């Protein structure tokens, strides 16, 4: 393997991890504070509901306002910014 291209795999991995960290960290920034645990719970509950067709649910320990902020405001904006 040529000496110049040897380190590219590690660099791409690092860029991928950095992108994922910024993507997830963006959920914590905003006018209305939603703690990390609640944000993770809201996202996990939504994914579980989506992939199981509502068969498995998580008992909500967040308010309706926190859910609306995460799913209706932050998630679409973060996904659009990631494009």
PDB file of N, CA and C in Angstrom:
ATOM      1  N   UNK A   1       0.859  -1.176   0.000  1.00  0.00           N
ATOM      2  CA  UNK A   1       0.000   0.000   0.000  1.00  0.00           C
ATOM      3  C   UNK A   1       0.899   1.231   0.000  1.00  0.00           C
ATOM      4  N   UNK A   2       0.582   2.191  -0.867  1.00  0.00           N
ATOM      5  CA  UNK A   2       1.410   3.407  -0.898  1.00  0.00           C
ATOM      6  C   UNK A   2       1.351   4.155   0.425  1.00  0.00           C
ATOM      7  N   UNK A   3       2.427   4.794   0.744  1.00  0.00           N
ATOM      8  CA  UNK A   3       2.560   5.502   2.016  1.00  0.00           C
ATOM      9  C   UNK A   3       1.555   6.641   2.153  1.00  0.00           C
ATOM     10  N   UNK A   4       1.169   7.322   1.073  1.00  0.00           N
ATOM     11  CA  UNK A   4       0.291   8.474   1.136  1.00  0.00           C
ATOM     12  C   UNK A   4      -1.140   8.120   1.543  1.00  0.00           C
ATOM     13  N   UNK A   5      -1.645   6.957   1.164  1.00  0.00           N
ATOM     14  CA  UNK A   5      -3.056   6.616   1.399  1.00  0.00           C
ATOM     15  C   UNK A   5      -3.264   5.721   2.613  1.00  0.00           C
ATOM     16  N   UNK A   6      -2.249   5.438   3.352  1.00  0.00           N
ATOM     17  CA  UNK A   6      -2.353   4.495   4.462  1.00  0.00           C
ATOM     18  C   UNK A   6      -3.252   4.979   5.589  1.00  0.00           C
ATOM     19  N   UNK A   7      -3.309   6.258   5.888  1.00  0.00           N
ATOM     20  CA  UNK A   7      -4.052   6.760   7.025  1.00  0.00           C
ATOM     21  C   UNK A   7      -5.470   7.217   6.728  1.00  0.00           C
ATOM     22  N   UNK A   8      -5.961   7.035   5.521  1.00  0.00           N
ATOM     23  CA  UNK A   8      -7.286   7.544   5.157  1.00  0.00           C
ATOM     24  C   UNK A   8      -8.412   6.821   5.876  1.00  0.00           C
ATOM     25  N   UNK A   9      -8.292   5.540   6.125  1.00  0.00           N
ATOM     26  CA  UNK A   9      -9.354   4.794   6.810  1.00  0.00           C
ATOM     27  C   UNK A   9      -9.609   5.331   8.209  1.00  0.00           C
ATOM     28  N   UNK A  10      -8.557   5.611   8.928  1.00  0.00           N
ATOM     29  CA  UNK A  10      -8.687   6.174  10.268  1.00  0.00           C
ATOM     30  C   UNK A  10      -9.275   7.574  10.251  1.00  0.00           C
ATOM     31  N   UNK A  11      -8.911   8.341   9.240  1.00  0.00           N
ATOM     32  CA  UNK A  11      -9.445   9.698   9.139  1.00  0.00           C
ATOM     33  C   UNK A  11     -10.942   9.686   8.847  1.00  0.00           C
ATOM     34  N   UNK A  12     -11.374   8.795   7.968  1.00  0.00           N
ATOM     35  CA  UNK A  12     -12.801   8.704   7.662  1.00  0.00           C
ATOM     36  C   UNK A  12     -13.592   8.210   8.865  1.00  0.00           C
ATOM     37  N   UNK A  13     -13.019   7.281   9.605  1.00  0.00           N
ATOM     38  CA  UNK A  13     -13.675   6.802  10.832  1.00  0.00           C
ATOM     39  C   UNK A  13     -13.825   7.940  11.836  1.00  0.00           C
ATOM     40  N   UNK A  14     -12.776   8.711  11.995  1.00  0.00           N
ATOM     41  CA  UNK A  14     -12.809   9.848  12.909  1.00  0.00           C
ATOM     42  C   UNK A  14     -13.844  10.886  12.460  1.00  0.00           C
ATOM     43  N   UNK A  15     -13.898  11.170  11.171  1.00  0.00           N
ATOM     44  CA  UNK A  15     -14.901  12.101  10.651  1.00  0.00           C
ATOM     45  C   UNK A  15     -16.315  11.571  10.857  1.00  0.00           C
ATOM     46  N   UNK A  16     -16.515  10.275  10.691  1.00  0.00           N
ATOM     47  CA  UNK A  16     -17.827   9.677  10.929  1.00  0.00           C
ATOM     48  C   UNK A  16     -18.246   9.784  12.383  1.00  0.00           C
ATOM     49  N   UNK A  17     -17.319   9.510  13.284  1.00  0.00           N
ATOM     50  CA  UNK A  17     -17.621   9.620  14.717  1.00  0.00           C
ATOM     51  C   UNK A  17     -17.884  11.069  15.114  1.00  0.00           C
ATOM     52  N   UNK A  18     -17.118  11.976  14.560  1.00  0.00           N
ATOM     53  CA  UNK A  18     -17.311  13.399  14.852  1.00  0.00           C
ATOM     54  C   UNK A  18     -18.669  13.873  14.329  1.00  0.00           C
ATOM     55  N   UNK A  19     -19.048  13.436  13.137  1.00  0.00           N
ATOM     56  CA  UNK A  19     -20.353  13.791  12.580  1.00  0.00           C
ATOM     57  C   UNK A  19     -21.484  13.257  13.442  1.00  0.00           C
ATOM     58  N   UNK A  20     -21.368  12.008  13.879  1.00  0.00           N
ATOM     59  CA  UNK A  20     -22.394  11.417  14.739  1.00  0.00           C
ATOM     60  C   UNK A  20     -22.479  12.146  16.078  1.00  0.00           C
ATOM     61  N   UNK A  21     -21.345  12.526  16.635  1.00  0.00           N
ATOM     62  CA  UNK A  21     -21.344  13.247  17.915  1.00  0.00           C
ATOM     63  C   UNK A  21     -21.995  14.620  17.779  1.00  0.00           C
ATOM     64  N   UNK A  22     -21.699  15.320  16.699  1.00  0.00           N
ATOM     65  CA  UNK A  22     -22.306  16.636  16.482  1.00  0.00           C
ATOM     66  C   UNK A  22     -23.802  16.482  16.228  1.00  0.00           C
ATOM     67  N   UNK A  23     -24.194  15.461  15.469  1.00  0.00           N
ATOM     68  CA  UNK A  23     -25.612  15.205  15.191  1.00  0.00           C
ATOM     69  C   UNK A  23     -26.369  14.970  16.498  1.00  0.00           C
ATOM     70  N   UNK A  24     -25.856  14.098  17.339  1.00  0.00           N
ATOM     71  CA  UNK A  24     -26.528  13.795  18.606  1.00  0.00           C
ATOM     72  C   UNK A  24     -26.432  14.958  19.590  1.00  0.00           C
ATOM     73  N   UNK A  25     -25.310  15.649  19.599  1.00  0.00           N
ATOM     74  CA  UNK A  25     -25.150  16.784  20.495  1.00  0.00           C
ATOM     75  C   UNK A  25     -26.057  17.949  20.139  1.00  0.00           C
ATOM     76  N   UNK A  26     -26.459  18.022  18.889  1.00  0.00           N
ATOM     77  CA  UNK A  26     -27.339  19.104  18.450  1.00  0.00           C
ATOM     78  C   UNK A  26     -28.715  19.024  19.092  1.00  0.00           C
ATOM     79  N   UNK A  27     -29.117  17.863  19.540  1.00  0.00           N
ATOM     80  CA  UNK A  27     -30.402  17.730  20.214  1.00  0.00           C
ATOM     81  C   UNK A  27     -30.404  18.440  21.567  1.00  0.00           C
ATOM     82  N   UNK A  28     -29.245  18.668  22.127  1.00  0.00           N
ATOM     83  CA  UNK A  28     -29.147  19.261  23.461  1.00  0.00           C
ATOM     84  C   UNK A  28     -29.057  20.774  23.446  1.00  0.00           C
ATOM     85  N   UNK A  29     -28.949  21.363  22.269  1.00  0.00           N
ATOM     86  CA  UNK A  29     -28.779  22.802  22.148  1.00  0.00           C
ATOM     87  C   UNK A  29     -30.094  23.420  21.689  1.00  0.00           C
ATOM     88  N   UNK A  30     -30.539  24.417  22.413  1.00  0.00           N
ATOM     89  CA  UNK A  30     -31.755  25.101  21.998  1.00  0.00           C
ATOM     90  C   UNK A  30     -32.323  25.942  23.122  1.00  0.00           C
ATOM     91  N   UNK A  31     -33.379  26.635  22.792  1.00  0.00           N
ATOM     92  CA  UNK A  31     -33.990  27.543  23.750  1.00  0.00           C
ATOM     93  C   UNK A  31     -34.614  26.790  24.919  1.00  0.00           C
ATOM     94  N   UNK A  32     -35.267  25.682  24.625  1.00  0.00           N
ATOM     95  CA  UNK A  32     -35.906  24.883  25.668  1.00  0.00           C
ATOM     96  C   UNK A  32     -35.009  23.707  26.019  1.00  0.00           C
ATOM     97  N   UNK A  33     -34.639  23.618  27.263  1.00  0.00           N
ATOM     98  CA  UNK A  33     -33.728  22.564  27.712  1.00  0.00           C
ATOM     99  C   UNK A  33     -34.469  21.237  27.814  1.00  0.00           C
ATOM    100  N   UNK A  34     -33.956  20.262  27.093  1.00  0.00           N
ATOM    101  CA  UNK A  34     -34.455  18.892  27.190  1.00  0.00           C
ATOM    102  C   UNK A  34     -33.234  18.040  27.545  1.00  0.00           C
ATOM    103  N   UNK A  35     -33.224  17.436  28.742  1.00  0.00           N
ATOM    104  CA  UNK A  35     -32.053  16.671  29.178  1.00  0.00           C
ATOM    105  C   UNK A  35     -31.743  15.495  28.242  1.00  0.00           C
ATOM    106  N   UNK A  36     -30.489  15.075  28.272  1.00  0.00           N
ATOM    107  CA  UNK A  36     -30.017  13.993  27.407  1.00  0.00           C
ATOM    108  C   UNK A  36     -30.831  12.714  27.595  1.00  0.00           C
ATOM    109  N   UNK A  37     -31.124  12.350  28.845  1.00  0.00           N
ATOM    110  CA  UNK A  37     -31.877  11.122  29.102  1.00  0.00           C
ATOM    111  C   UNK A  37     -33.274  11.159  28.506  1.00  0.00           C
ATOM    112  N   UNK A  38     -33.928  12.292  28.612  1.00  0.00           N
ATOM    113  CA  UNK A  38     -35.270  12.427  28.046  1.00  0.00           C
ATOM    114  C   UNK A  38     -35.216  12.437  26.521  1.00  0.00           C
ATOM    115  N   UNK A  39     -34.215  13.102  25.967  1.00  0.00           N
ATOM    116  CA  UNK A  39     -34.064  13.125  24.512  1.00  0.00           C
ATOM    117  C   UNK A  39     -33.838  11.711  23.982  1.00  0.00           C
ATOM    118  N   UNK A  40     -32.967  10.962  24.644  1.00  0.00           N
ATOM    119  CA  UNK A  40     -32.704   9.582  24.231  1.00  0.00           C
ATOM    120  C   UNK A  40     -33.963   8.737  24.378  1.00  0.00           C
ATOM    121  N   UNK A  41     -34.708   8.935  25.446  1.00  0.00           N
ATOM    122  CA  UNK A  41     -35.948   8.185  25.644  1.00  0.00           C
ATOM    123  C   UNK A  41     -36.990   8.488  24.585  1.00  0.00           C
ATOM    124  N   UNK A  42     -37.119   9.753  24.230  1.00  0.00           N
ATOM    125  CA  UNK A  42     -38.083  10.152  23.206  1.00  0.00           C
ATOM    126  C   UNK A  42     -37.716   9.529  21.863  1.00  0.00           C
ATOM    127  N   UNK A  43     -36.436   9.598  21.500  1.00  0.00           N
ATOM    128  CA  UNK A  43     -35.995   9.024  20.233  1.00  0.00           C
ATOM    129  C   UNK A  43     -36.127   7.501  20.233  1.00  0.00           C
ATOM    130  N   UNK A  44     -35.767   6.858  21.349  1.00  0.00           N
ATOM    131  CA  UNK A  44     -35.876   5.398  21.438  1.00  0.00           C
ATOM    132  C   UNK A  44     -37.328   4.957  21.386  1.00  0.00           C
ATOM    133  N   UNK A  45     -38.210   5.659  22.070  1.00  0.00           N
ATOM    134  CA  UNK A  45     -39.626   5.307  22.055  1.00  0.00           C
ATOM    135  C   UNK A  45     -40.213   5.468  20.658  1.00  0.00           C
ATOM    136  N   UNK A  46     -39.820   6.512  19.971  1.00  0.00           N
ATOM    137  CA  UNK A  46     -40.319   6.733  18.617  1.00  0.00           C
ATOM    138  C   UNK A  46     -39.821   5.665  17.657  1.00  0.00           C
ATOM    139  N   UNK A  47     -38.553   5.290  17.787  1.00  0.00           N
ATOM    140  CA  UNK A  47     -38.012   4.227  16.940  1.00  0.00           C
ATOM    141  C   UNK A  47     -38.663   2.882  17.250  1.00  0.00           C
ATOM    142  N   UNK A  48     -38.871   2.585  18.534  1.00  0.00           N
ATOM    143  CA  UNK A  48     -39.522   1.328  18.909  1.00  0.00           C
ATOM    144  C   UNK A  48     -40.948   1.276  18.366  1.00  0.00           C
ATOM    145  N   UNK A  49     -41.640   2.379  18.454  1.00  0.00           N
ATOM    146  CA  UNK A  49     -43.009   2.452  17.936  1.00  0.00           C
ATOM    147  C   UNK A  49     -43.027   2.283  16.419  1.00  0.00           C
ATOM    148  N   UNK A  50     -42.068   2.888  15.749  1.00  0.00           N
ATOM    149  CA  UNK A  50     -41.993   2.829  14.299  1.00  0.00           C
ATOM    150  C   UNK A  50     -41.682   1.419  13.801  1.00  0.00           C
ATOM    151  N   UNK A  51     -40.671   0.780  14.403  1.00  0.00           N
ATOM    152  CA  UNK A  51     -40.221  -0.516  13.907  1.00  0.00           C
ATOM    153  C   UNK A  51     -41.069  -1.694  14.377  1.00  0.00           C
ATOM    154  N   UNK A  52     -41.812  -1.535  15.460  1.00  0.00           N
ATOM    155  CA  UNK A  52     -42.634  -2.649  15.937  1.00  0.00           C
ATOM    156  C   UNK A  52     -44.111  -2.426  15.667  1.00  0.00           C
ATOM    157  N   UNK A  53     -44.442  -1.335  15.015  1.00  0.00           N
ATOM    158  CA  UNK A  53     -45.839  -1.057  14.715  1.00  0.00           C
ATOM    159  C   UNK A  53     -46.665  -0.771  15.953  1.00  0.00           C
ATOM    160  N   UNK A  54     -46.054  -0.260  16.991  1.00  0.00           N
ATOM    161  CA  UNK A  54     -46.763   0.059  18.222  1.00  0.00           C
ATOM    162  C   UNK A  54     -46.897  -1.115  19.168  1.00  0.00           C
ATOM    163  N   UNK A  55     -46.302  -2.254  18.829  1.00  0.00           N
ATOM    164  CA  UNK A  55     -46.385  -3.449  19.680  1.00  0.00           C
ATOM    165  C   UNK A  55     -45.626  -3.241  20.988  1.00  0.00           C
ATOM    166  N   UNK A  56     -44.453  -2.632  20.900  1.00  0.00           N
ATOM    167  CA  UNK A  56     -43.653  -2.355  22.088  1.00  0.00           C
ATOM    168  C   UNK A  56     -43.593  -0.845  22.288  1.00  0.00           C
ATOM    169  N   UNK A  57     -43.932  -0.406  23.456  1.00  0.00           N
ATOM    170  CA  UNK A  57     -43.904   1.016  23.758  1.00  0.00           C
ATOM    171  C   UNK A  57     -43.101   1.265  25.029  1.00  0.00           C
ATOM    172  N   UNK A  58     -42.707   2.495  25.202  1.00  0.00           N
ATOM    173  CA  UNK A  58     -41.986   2.928  26.390  1.00  0.00           C
ATOM    174  C   UNK A  58     -42.909   3.855  27.157  1.00  0.00           C
ATOM    175  N   UNK A  59     -43.024   3.624  28.456  1.00  0.00           N
ATOM    176  CA  UNK A  59     -43.850   4.517  29.274  1.00  0.00           C
ATOM    177  C   UNK A  59     -43.206   5.899  29.297  1.00  0.00           C
ATOM    178  N   UNK A  60     -43.907   6.925  28.845  1.00  0.00           N
ATOM    179  CA  UNK A  60     -43.279   8.248  28.760  1.00  0.00           C
ATOM    180  C   UNK A  60     -42.995   8.851  30.131  1.00  0.00           C
ATOM    181  N   UNK A  61     -41.797   9.336  30.295  1.00  0.00           N
ATOM    182  CA  UNK A  61     -41.401  10.053  31.505  1.00  0.00           C
ATOM    183  C   UNK A  61     -41.009  11.479  31.138  1.00  0.00           C
ATOM    184  N   UNK A  62     -41.497  11.934  29.986  1.00  0.00           N
ATOM    185  CA  UNK A  62     -41.271  13.282  29.496  1.00  0.00           C
ATOM    186  C   UNK A  62     -42.620  13.934  29.241  1.00  0.00           C
ATOM    187  N   UNK A  63     -42.598  15.241  29.124  1.00  0.00           N
ATOM    188  CA  UNK A  63     -43.844  15.963  28.878  1.00  0.00           C
ATOM    189  C   UNK A  63     -44.137  15.989  27.373  1.00  0.00           C
ATOM    190  N   UNK A  64     -45.374  16.325  27.056  1.00  0.00           N
ATOM    191  CA  UNK A  64     -45.761  16.428  25.648  1.00  0.00           C
ATOM    192  C   UNK A  64     -44.995  17.551  24.953  1.00  0.00           C
ATOM    193  N   UNK A  65     -44.695  18.618  25.702  1.00  0.00           N
ATOM    194  CA  UNK A  65     -43.936  19.730  25.125  1.00  0.00           C
ATOM    195  C   UNK A  65     -42.510  19.301  24.777  1.00  0.00           C
ATOM    196  N   UNK A  66     -41.880  18.508  25.647  1.00  0.00           N
ATOM    197  CA  UNK A  66     -40.519  18.033  25.367  1.00  0.00           C
ATOM    198  C   UNK A  66     -40.515  17.121  24.148  1.00  0.00           C
ATOM    199  N   UNK A  67     -41.508  16.272  24.042  1.00  0.00           N
ATOM    200  CA  UNK A  67     -41.618  15.376  22.880  1.00  0.00           C
ATOM    201  C   UNK A  67     -41.798  16.187  21.604  1.00  0.00           C
ATOM    202  N   UNK A  68     -42.643  17.209  21.659  1.00  0.00           N
ATOM    203  CA  UNK A  68     -42.883  18.047  20.480  1.00  0.00           C
ATOM    204  C   UNK A  68     -41.620  18.798  20.073  1.00  0.00           C
ATOM    205  N   UNK A  69     -40.874  19.292  21.054  1.00  0.00           N
ATOM    206  CA  UNK A  69     -39.642  20.020  20.746  1.00  0.00           C
ATOM    207  C   UNK A  69     -38.642  19.102  20.052  1.00  0.00           C
ATOM    208  N   UNK A  70     -38.486  17.890  20.569  1.00  0.00           N
ATOM    209  CA  UNK A  70     -37.496  16.964  20.004  1.00  0.00           C
ATOM    210  C   UNK A  70     -37.931  16.457  18.631  1.00  0.00           C
ATOM    211  N   UNK A  71     -39.164  15.978  18.511  1.00  0.00           N
ATOM    212  CA  UNK A  71     -39.591  15.335  17.271  1.00  0.00           C
ATOM    213  C   UNK A  71     -40.076  16.296  16.193  1.00  0.00           C
ATOM    214  N   UNK A  72     -40.698  17.382  16.578  1.00  0.00           N
ATOM    215  CA  UNK A  72     -41.287  18.271  15.578  1.00  0.00           C
ATOM    216  C   UNK A  72     -40.425  19.469  15.217  1.00  0.00           C
ATOM    217  N   UNK A  73     -39.477  19.802  16.079  1.00  0.00           N
ATOM    218  CA  UNK A  73     -38.647  20.974  15.796  1.00  0.00           C
ATOM    219  C   UNK A  73     -37.188  20.575  15.579  1.00  0.00           C
ATOM    220  N   UNK A  74     -36.585  19.947  16.577  1.00  0.00           N
ATOM    221  CA  UNK A  74     -35.145  19.685  16.488  1.00  0.00           C
ATOM    222  C   UNK A  74     -34.789  18.603  15.482  1.00  0.00           C
ATOM    223  N   UNK A  75     -35.503  17.484  15.478  1.00  0.00           N
ATOM    224  CA  UNK A  75     -35.150  16.390  14.568  1.00  0.00           C
ATOM    225  C   UNK A  75     -35.215  16.816  13.104  1.00  0.00           C
ATOM    226  N   UNK A  76     -36.284  17.459  12.641  1.00  0.00           N
ATOM    227  CA  UNK A  76     -36.290  17.881  11.227  1.00  0.00           C
ATOM    228  C   UNK A  76     -35.196  18.894  10.901  1.00  0.00           C
ATOM    229  N   UNK A  77     -34.919  19.802  11.806  1.00  0.00           N
ATOM    230  CA  UNK A  77     -33.884  20.804  11.549  1.00  0.00           C
ATOM    231  C   UNK A  77     -32.499  20.180  11.512  1.00  0.00           C
ATOM    232  N   UNK A  78     -32.243  19.258  12.404  1.00  0.00           N
ATOM    233  CA  UNK A  78     -30.930  18.606  12.437  1.00  0.00           C
ATOM    234  C   UNK A  78     -30.740  17.732  11.206  1.00  0.00           C
ATOM    235  N   UNK A  79     -31.776  17.014  10.807  1.00  0.00           N
ATOM    236  CA  UNK A  79     -31.680  16.181   9.601  1.00  0.00           C
ATOM    237  C   UNK A  79     -31.465  17.039   8.361  1.00  0.00           C
ATOM    238  N   UNK A  80     -32.161  18.159   8.270  1.00  0.00           N
ATOM    239  CA  UNK A  80     -31.966  19.060   7.120  1.00  0.00           C
ATOM    240  C   UNK A  80     -30.562  19.638   7.110  1.00  0.00           C
ATOM    241  N   UNK A  81     -30.055  19.980   8.270  1.00  0.00           N
ATOM    242  CA  UNK A  81     -28.700  20.537   8.346  1.00  0.00           C
ATOM    243  C   UNK A  81     -27.653  19.479   8.002  1.00  0.00           C
ATOM    244  N   UNK A  82     -27.943  18.228   8.327  1.00  0.00           N
ATOM    245  CA  UNK A  82     -26.975  17.161   8.046  1.00  0.00           C
ATOM    246  C   UNK A  82     -26.882  16.858   6.556  1.00  0.00           C
ATOM    247  N   UNK A  83     -27.915  17.197   5.813  1.00  0.00           N
ATOM    248  CA  UNK A  83     -27.868  16.963   4.370  1.00  0.00           C
ATOM    249  C   UNK A  83     -26.854  17.876   3.733  1.00  0.00           C
TER     250      UNK A  83
END
